Amino acid sequence: MKVEPYLMFEGRCEEALDFYRSALGAQVTALMRFKDHPESAGGPGCAEGGGPGPTPEMVMHAAFTVGDT
């Protein structure tokens, strides 16, 4: 069985990816920033709840592998 968790980092995804690279030797296989999304950052559905919206450089989605997983 293959497990693929989806983690949320509240604006700190890049920091988490850097940690996984250094601590676990993770290889990032995909990375999308808010500026790369077809809709502009801050579009409908972003920053619900009244908090600050994402900046264009923030990571929206990323995938990585650790070893042969």
C-alpha atoms as a PDB file:
ATOM      1  CA  MET A   1       0.000   0.000   0.000  1.00  0.00           C
ATOM      2  CA  LYS A   2       1.242   3.477  -0.861  1.00  0.00           C
ATOM      3  CA  VAL A   3       0.350   6.360   1.464  1.00  0.00           C
ATOM      4  CA  GLU A   4       0.306   9.919   0.055  1.00  0.00           C
ATOM      5  CA  PRO A   5      -0.502  12.453   2.798  1.00  0.00           C
ATOM      6  CA  TYR A   6      -1.510  16.022   1.903  1.00  0.00           C
ATOM      7  CA  LEU A   7      -0.085  18.522   4.381  1.00  0.00           C
ATOM      8  CA  MET A   8      -0.988  22.186   4.944  1.00  0.00           C
ATOM      9  CA  PHE A   9       1.586  24.687   6.243  1.00  0.00           C
ATOM     10  CA  GLU A  10      -0.252  28.040   6.511  1.00  0.00           C
ATOM     11  CA  GLY A  11       2.243  30.004   4.418  1.00  0.00           C
ATOM     12  CA  ARG A  12       5.346  28.052   5.492  1.00  0.00           C
ATOM     13  CA  CYS A  13       5.443  25.329   2.839  1.00  0.00           C
ATOM     14  CA  GLU A  14       8.778  26.427   1.387  1.00  0.00           C
ATOM     15  CA  GLU A  15      10.350  26.260   4.846  1.00  0.00           C
ATOM     16  CA  ALA A  16       8.932  22.754   5.346  1.00  0.00           C
ATOM     17  CA  LEU A  17      10.260  21.607   1.955  1.00  0.00           C
ATOM     18  CA  ASP A  18      13.726  22.924   2.835  1.00  0.00           C
ATOM     19  CA  PHE A  19      13.585  20.988   6.114  1.00  0.00           C
ATOM     20  CA  TYR A  20      12.518  17.751   4.390  1.00  0.00           C
ATOM     21  CA  ARG A  21      15.339  18.183   1.853  1.00  0.00           C
ATOM     22  CA  SER A  22      18.006  18.653   4.526  1.00  0.00           C
ATOM     23  CA  ALA A  23      16.701  16.208   7.164  1.00  0.00           C
ATOM     24  CA  LEU A  24      15.374  13.395   4.963  1.00  0.00           C
ATOM     25  CA  GLY A  25      17.055  13.906   1.596  1.00  0.00           C
ATOM     26  CA  ALA A  26      13.671  14.600  -0.006  1.00  0.00           C
ATOM     27  CA  GLN A  27      13.499  15.299  -3.731  1.00  0.00           C
ATOM     28  CA  VAL A  28      10.857  17.833  -4.798  1.00  0.00           C
ATOM     29  CA  THR A  29       9.047  16.397  -7.826  1.00  0.00           C
ATOM     30  CA  ALA A  30       6.487  19.181  -8.364  1.00  0.00           C
ATOM     31  CA  LEU A  31       6.058  22.753  -7.169  1.00  0.00           C
ATOM     32  CA  MET A  32       3.381  25.333  -8.013  1.00  0.00           C
ATOM     33  CA  ARG A  33       3.381  28.858  -6.656  1.00  0.00           C
ATOM     34  CA  PHE A  34       0.276  31.029  -6.406  1.00  0.00           C
ATOM     35  CA  LYS A  35       1.625  33.185  -9.268  1.00  0.00           C
ATOM     36  CA  ASP A  36       1.627  30.069 -11.505  1.00  0.00           C
ATOM     37  CA  HIS A  37      -2.046  29.275 -10.885  1.00  0.00           C
ATOM     38  CA  PRO A  38      -4.429  30.099 -13.745  1.00  0.00           C
ATOM     39  CA  GLU A  39      -6.427  32.412 -11.437  1.00  0.00           C
ATOM     40  CA  SER A  40      -4.539  35.232  -9.744  1.00  0.00           C
ATOM     41  CA  ALA A  41      -3.475  34.875  -6.105  1.00  0.00           C
ATOM     42  CA  GLY A  42      -6.193  36.174  -3.840  1.00  0.00           C
ATOM     43  CA  GLY A  43      -8.946  34.913  -6.121  1.00  0.00           C
ATOM     44  CA  PRO A  44     -12.181  33.317  -4.935  1.00  0.00           C
ATOM     45  CA  GLY A  45     -11.600  30.844  -2.118  1.00  0.00           C
ATOM     46  CA  CYS A  46      -8.221  32.225  -1.051  1.00  0.00           C
ATOM     47  CA  ALA A  47      -7.659  33.309   2.551  1.00  0.00           C
ATOM     48  CA  GLU A  48     -11.151  32.473   3.725  1.00  0.00           C
ATOM     49  CA  GLY A  49     -11.802  33.548   7.287  1.00  0.00           C
ATOM     50  CA  GLY A  50     -10.480  37.077   6.928  1.00  0.00           C
ATOM     51  CA  GLY A  51      -6.768  36.304   7.207  1.00  0.00           C
ATOM     52  CA  PRO A  52      -4.144  37.745   4.887  1.00  0.00           C
ATOM     53  CA  GLY A  53      -4.127  36.241   1.421  1.00  0.00           C
ATOM     54  CA  PRO A  54      -1.204  34.412  -0.145  1.00  0.00           C
ATOM     55  CA  THR A  55       1.594  36.272  -1.869  1.00  0.00           C
ATOM     56  CA  PRO A  56       2.421  35.301  -5.464  1.00  0.00           C
ATOM     57  CA  GLU A  57       5.696  33.629  -4.365  1.00  0.00           C
ATOM     58  CA  MET A  58       4.066  31.358  -1.768  1.00  0.00           C
ATOM     59  CA  VAL A  59       3.893  27.656  -2.557  1.00  0.00           C
ATOM     60  CA  MET A  60       0.378  26.544  -3.447  1.00  0.00           C
ATOM     61  CA  HIS A  61       1.100  22.853  -4.065  1.00  0.00           C
ATOM     62  CA  ALA A  62       4.198  20.679  -3.953  1.00  0.00           C
ATOM     63  CA  ALA A  63       5.051  16.998  -4.097  1.00  0.00           C
ATOM     64  CA  PHE A  64       8.201  15.261  -2.954  1.00  0.00           C
ATOM     65  CA  THR A  65       9.659  11.807  -2.511  1.00  0.00           C
ATOM     66  CA  VAL A  66      11.873  10.389   0.218  1.00  0.00           C
ATOM     67  CA  GLY A  67      14.038   7.499  -0.886  1.00  0.00           C
ATOM     68  CA  ASP A  68      12.088   5.003  -2.991  1.00  0.00           C
ATOM     69  CA  THR A  69       8.700   6.083  -1.656  1.00  0.00           C
END
